[in-house]
Protein backbone atom coordinates (compact mmCIF):
# COMPACT_ATOMS: atom_id res chain seq x y z
CA MET A 1 0.17 -0.06 0.16
CA LYS A 2 3.18 2.35 0.66
CA ALA A 3 4.43 1.95 -2.60
CA PHE A 4 1.45 2.36 -4.19
CA ALA A 5 1.20 5.86 -2.44
CA ALA A 6 4.62 6.63 -3.38
CA LEU A 7 4.20 5.66 -6.96
CA THR A 8 1.08 8.05 -7.11
CA LEU A 9 2.77 10.70 -5.57
CA ALA A 10 5.59 10.37 -7.69
CA LEU A 11 3.06 10.36 -11.12
CA LEU A 12 1.86 13.54 -9.55
CA ALA A 13 4.66 15.20 -9.20
CA GLY A 14 5.87 14.62 -12.67
CA CYS A 15 2.90 16.18 -13.99
CA ALA A 16 3.29 19.27 -12.25
CA GLY A 17 5.57 20.74 -14.48
CA GLY A 18 4.40 24.32 -14.39
CA ASP A 19 3.58 24.69 -18.12
CA ALA A 20 1.21 26.28 -19.98
CA TYR A 21 -1.98 24.92 -21.32
CA PRO A 22 -1.32 23.65 -24.68
CA ASP A 23 -2.35 26.18 -27.39
CA LEU A 24 -6.06 24.98 -28.80
CA LEU A 25 -6.14 25.09 -32.69
CA PRO A 26 -8.81 26.16 -34.76
CA THR A 27 -10.95 23.89 -36.62
CA ASN A 28 -10.29 23.97 -39.77
CA ARG A 29 -6.28 23.45 -38.60
CA ILE A 30 -7.59 20.26 -37.24
CA LEU A 31 -9.62 19.11 -39.37
CA ALA A 32 -7.63 19.70 -42.04
CA GLU A 33 -6.40 16.95 -44.93
CA PRO A 34 -2.68 16.18 -43.25
CA ASP A 35 0.29 16.88 -45.49
CA LEU A 36 1.10 13.73 -47.24
CA PRO A 37 5.11 12.87 -46.73
CA ALA A 38 7.01 12.59 -50.31
CA HIS A 39 7.39 8.40 -49.81
CA ALA A 40 3.67 8.28 -49.82
CA ALA A 41 3.06 10.35 -53.46
CA PRO A 42 2.62 7.24 -55.56
CA ALA A 43 -0.13 6.13 -53.50
CA ALA A 44 -1.74 9.36 -53.73
CA SER A 45 -2.29 9.09 -57.53
CA GLY A 46 -3.94 5.95 -57.36
CA ALA A 47 -3.83 2.14 -55.99
CA ALA A 48 -2.24 0.61 -59.56
CA PRO A 49 0.94 1.91 -59.14
CA VAL A 50 1.47 0.48 -55.20
CA ALA A 51 -0.46 -2.86 -56.23
CA ALA A 52 1.80 -3.30 -59.26
CA ALA A 53 5.16 -2.42 -56.98
CA THR A 54 4.24 -4.82 -54.23
CA THR A 55 3.29 -7.35 -56.71
CA GLY A 56 6.24 -7.47 -58.27
CA ARG A 57 8.66 -7.20 -54.71
CA ALA A 58 6.61 -9.88 -53.57
CA ASP A 59 7.07 -12.07 -56.94
CA ALA A 60 11.00 -11.27 -56.71
CA LEU A 61 10.65 -12.60 -53.07
CA ARG A 62 8.79 -15.82 -54.06
CA ALA A 63 11.47 -16.44 -56.75
CA ARG A 64 14.49 -16.04 -54.33
CA ALA A 65 12.50 -18.33 -51.66
CA ASP A 66 12.23 -20.61 -54.58
CA ALA A 67 16.18 -20.60 -55.58
CA LEU A 68 17.02 -21.40 -51.75
CA ARG A 69 14.95 -24.26 -51.41
CA GLY A 70 17.02 -27.75 -51.86
CA PRO A 71 19.31 -29.25 -49.35
CA VAL A 72 21.27 -27.10 -46.93
CA VAL A 73 24.41 -29.52 -46.50
CA ASP A 74 26.34 -30.28 -49.84
CA PRO A 75 25.87 -33.83 -51.06
CA ALA A 76 29.51 -34.35 -51.22
CA LEU A 77 29.88 -33.01 -47.83
CA GLN A 78 27.44 -35.02 -46.61
CA ARG A 79 28.78 -38.41 -48.49
CA ARG A 80 31.91 -37.97 -46.94
CA ALA A 81 30.42 -37.68 -43.28
CA GLY A 82 29.22 -40.68 -43.61
CA GLY A 83 25.54 -39.78 -44.18
């Protein structure tokens, strides 16, 4: 119980920074559409370029995964090891 009281007092002390209440924003600024970052420009123009890029990346990853399928240990090494 003492720990709870100490924690509560520490939390309240941390909140009493003496800073002024934050400035309120006008409604038109709060409801305005946010500015898109530069990397989001293709998505703003439409879904087709993003879908094409995503499909291309997925196909490349599938091809890479297929190339990695196979034995982990070289068959010659496995024969020398007696397996």
